[in-house]
């Protein structure tokens, strides 16, 4: 077998993933710390939700500029909408993974561990799954032209011409 014929991953893909990972660390830090703050005022699920939203808003620009090198696309509005759509999906993933990890794994298996540590461990599990949902969603949809908007725009233009 000739191993040189096996296509190796491109170094750009590694760079994109690593850059996204660094912006995700920023988001995770914001998420983690703000969730502790929100937990003083809300229940666990709501505090995870609020921490995620805070991180999402604060990491759009770094993700666009550095993780996906999309600063000069001219599509910031469309990208922001797609970013928020993917973020909502990843938010659902994070909240439910955190919630059910706490209920089904952390609390039954570690009843003697302080509640704060069980919650934070569950939160980190949710953040990890959310990271994967965000990465693949943004890579495949947000910062890539899918042509959907152009098709929708041309269809709308044709319909307007037909009504004249």
Protein backbone atom coordinates (compact mmCIF):
# COMPACT_ATOMS: atom_id res chain seq x y z
CA UNK A 1 0.00 0.00 0.00
CA UNK A 2 1.33 3.38 -0.98
CA UNK A 3 0.74 5.76 1.94
CA UNK A 4 1.70 8.78 -0.12
CA UNK A 5 -1.53 8.33 -2.08
CA UNK A 6 -3.62 8.88 1.06
CA UNK A 7 -4.74 12.47 1.10
CA UNK A 8 -3.46 14.23 4.21
CA UNK A 9 -5.54 16.92 5.95
CA UNK A 10 -4.59 20.38 4.82
CA UNK A 11 -2.61 22.52 7.23
CA UNK A 12 -5.19 25.30 6.70
CA UNK A 13 -7.84 23.02 8.22
CA UNK A 14 -5.64 22.52 11.28
CA UNK A 15 -5.02 26.26 11.49
CA UNK A 16 -8.75 27.02 11.19
CA UNK A 17 -9.57 24.48 13.88
CA UNK A 18 -6.84 25.77 16.20
CA UNK A 19 -7.90 29.40 15.64
CA UNK A 20 -11.51 28.46 16.33
CA UNK A 21 -10.36 26.60 19.42
CA UNK A 22 -8.64 29.75 20.71
CA UNK A 23 -11.72 31.91 20.13
CA UNK A 24 -13.78 29.14 21.75
CA UNK A 25 -11.50 29.30 24.81
CA UNK A 26 -12.30 33.02 25.01
CA UNK A 27 -16.01 32.26 24.69
CA UNK A 28 -15.81 29.38 27.16
CA UNK A 29 -14.04 31.61 29.68
CA UNK A 30 -16.73 34.28 29.34
CA UNK A 31 -19.43 31.61 29.49
CA UNK A 32 -17.92 29.87 32.53
CA UNK A 33 -17.34 33.01 34.59
CA UNK A 34 -20.59 34.74 33.69
CA UNK A 35 -22.57 31.57 34.50
CA UNK A 36 -21.18 31.70 38.05
CA UNK A 37 -22.38 35.31 38.30
CA UNK A 38 -25.82 34.50 36.83
CA UNK A 39 -26.17 31.50 39.18
CA UNK A 40 -26.51 33.93 42.09
CA UNK A 41 -29.76 35.19 40.55
CA UNK A 42 -31.17 32.26 38.54
CA UNK A 43 -31.50 28.48 38.65
CA UNK A 44 -28.81 26.29 37.03
CA UNK A 45 -30.47 25.91 33.61
CA UNK A 46 -31.19 29.63 33.26
CA UNK A 47 -27.70 30.61 34.39
CA UNK A 48 -26.17 28.27 31.75
CA UNK A 49 -28.46 29.86 29.15
CA UNK A 50 -27.49 33.43 30.15
CA UNK A 51 -23.77 32.61 30.27
CA UNK A 52 -23.96 31.13 26.78
CA UNK A 53 -25.77 34.17 25.38
CA UNK A 54 -23.21 36.52 26.93
CA UNK A 55 -20.36 34.56 25.36
CA UNK A 56 -22.09 34.36 21.96
CA UNK A 57 -22.55 38.11 21.70
CA UNK A 58 -18.98 38.84 22.78
CA UNK A 59 -17.29 36.31 20.48
CA UNK A 60 -18.93 36.96 17.08
CA UNK A 61 -16.29 39.43 15.87
CA UNK A 62 -13.23 37.45 17.07
CA UNK A 63 -14.69 34.29 15.51
CA UNK A 64 -15.34 36.06 12.21
CA UNK A 65 -11.97 37.80 12.04
CA UNK A 66 -9.58 35.26 13.46
CA UNK A 67 -11.09 31.79 13.46
CA UNK A 68 -12.46 31.85 9.92
CA UNK A 69 -10.54 34.79 8.41
CA UNK A 70 -13.79 36.27 7.14
CA UNK A 71 -13.24 39.92 8.06
CA UNK A 72 -13.47 41.25 4.48
CA UNK A 73 -16.38 39.21 3.14
CA UNK A 74 -18.84 42.08 3.07
CA UNK A 75 -21.49 39.68 4.37
CA UNK A 76 -21.40 40.56 8.06
CA UNK A 77 -25.18 40.91 8.35
CA UNK A 78 -25.87 37.52 6.78
CA UNK A 79 -23.05 35.95 8.76
CA UNK A 80 -24.41 37.40 12.01
CA UNK A 81 -27.83 35.88 11.30
CA UNK A 82 -26.31 32.50 10.43
CA UNK A 83 -24.00 32.79 13.48
CA UNK A 84 -27.00 33.33 15.74
CA UNK A 85 -28.88 30.42 14.13
CA UNK A 86 -25.98 28.05 14.73
CA UNK A 87 -25.53 29.52 18.21
CA UNK A 88 -29.16 28.73 19.05
CA UNK A 89 -28.67 25.09 18.03
CA UNK A 90 -25.44 24.89 20.04
CA UNK A 91 -27.17 26.62 22.96
CA UNK A 92 -29.84 23.92 23.06
CA UNK A 93 -27.07 21.32 22.95
CA UNK A 94 -25.19 22.99 25.80
CA UNK A 95 -28.15 23.56 28.09
CA UNK A 96 -29.56 20.06 27.71
CA UNK A 97 -26.22 18.26 27.90
CA UNK A 98 -25.35 20.26 31.05
CA UNK A 99 -28.78 19.69 32.57
CA UNK A 100 -28.91 15.96 31.91
CA UNK A 101 -25.26 15.40 32.81
CA UNK A 102 -26.02 16.98 36.19
CA UNK A 103 -29.23 14.98 36.66
CA UNK A 104 -28.16 11.61 35.25
CA UNK A 105 -24.41 11.43 35.86
CA UNK A 106 -22.96 13.98 38.29
CA UNK A 107 -25.61 13.86 41.02
CA UNK A 108 -26.17 10.07 41.11
CA UNK A 109 -22.51 9.11 40.74
CA UNK A 110 -20.97 11.85 42.88
CA UNK A 111 -23.51 12.64 45.64
CA UNK A 112 -20.78 13.54 48.13
CA UNK A 113 -19.12 16.10 45.85
CA UNK A 114 -20.14 19.69 46.53
CA UNK A 115 -23.01 20.87 44.33
CA UNK A 116 -20.92 23.68 42.81
CA UNK A 117 -18.38 21.16 41.45
CA UNK A 118 -21.09 18.86 40.08
CA UNK A 119 -22.70 21.84 38.35
CA UNK A 120 -19.42 23.14 36.95
CA UNK A 121 -18.43 19.68 35.68
CA UNK A 122 -21.81 19.30 34.01
CA UNK A 123 -21.51 22.79 32.56
CA UNK A 124 -18.10 21.94 31.08
CA UNK A 125 -19.56 18.77 29.50
CA UNK A 126 -22.27 20.89 27.91
CA UNK A 127 -19.72 23.43 26.72
CA UNK A 128 -17.67 20.67 25.08
CA UNK A 129 -20.60 19.37 23.07
CA UNK A 130 -21.61 22.92 22.21
CA UNK A 131 -18.07 23.57 20.95
CA UNK A 132 -18.42 20.76 18.42
CA UNK A 133 -21.86 21.95 17.29
CA UNK A 134 -20.55 25.50 16.89
CA UNK A 135 -17.38 24.54 15.04
CA UNK A 136 -19.03 22.37 12.43
CA UNK A 137 -22.01 24.69 12.05
CA UNK A 138 -19.88 27.79 11.55
CA UNK A 139 -17.41 25.98 9.30
CA UNK A 140 -20.11 24.52 7.07
CA UNK A 141 -22.64 27.37 7.07
CA UNK A 142 -21.84 30.65 8.79
CA UNK A 143 -18.59 31.83 7.22
CA UNK A 144 -19.02 30.09 3.91
CA UNK A 145 -21.11 31.15 0.98
CA UNK A 146 -23.76 28.50 0.41
CA UNK A 147 -25.47 30.40 -2.41
CA UNK A 148 -28.82 30.17 -0.62
CA UNK A 149 -29.11 33.93 -0.09
CA UNK A 150 -28.29 34.65 -3.75
CA UNK A 151 -30.89 32.10 -4.90
CA UNK A 152 -33.47 33.58 -2.55
CA UNK A 153 -32.66 37.09 -3.76
CA UNK A 154 -32.89 36.14 -7.44
CA UNK A 155 -36.16 34.28 -6.83
CA UNK A 156 -37.58 37.34 -5.07
CA UNK A 157 -36.49 39.57 -7.96
CA UNK A 158 -38.16 37.26 -10.49
CA UNK A 159 -41.38 37.26 -8.49
CA UNK A 160 -41.36 41.06 -8.32
CA UNK A 161 -40.81 41.29 -12.09
CA UNK A 162 -43.74 38.91 -12.63
CA UNK A 163 -46.01 41.14 -10.54
CA UNK A 164 -45.25 44.26 -12.61
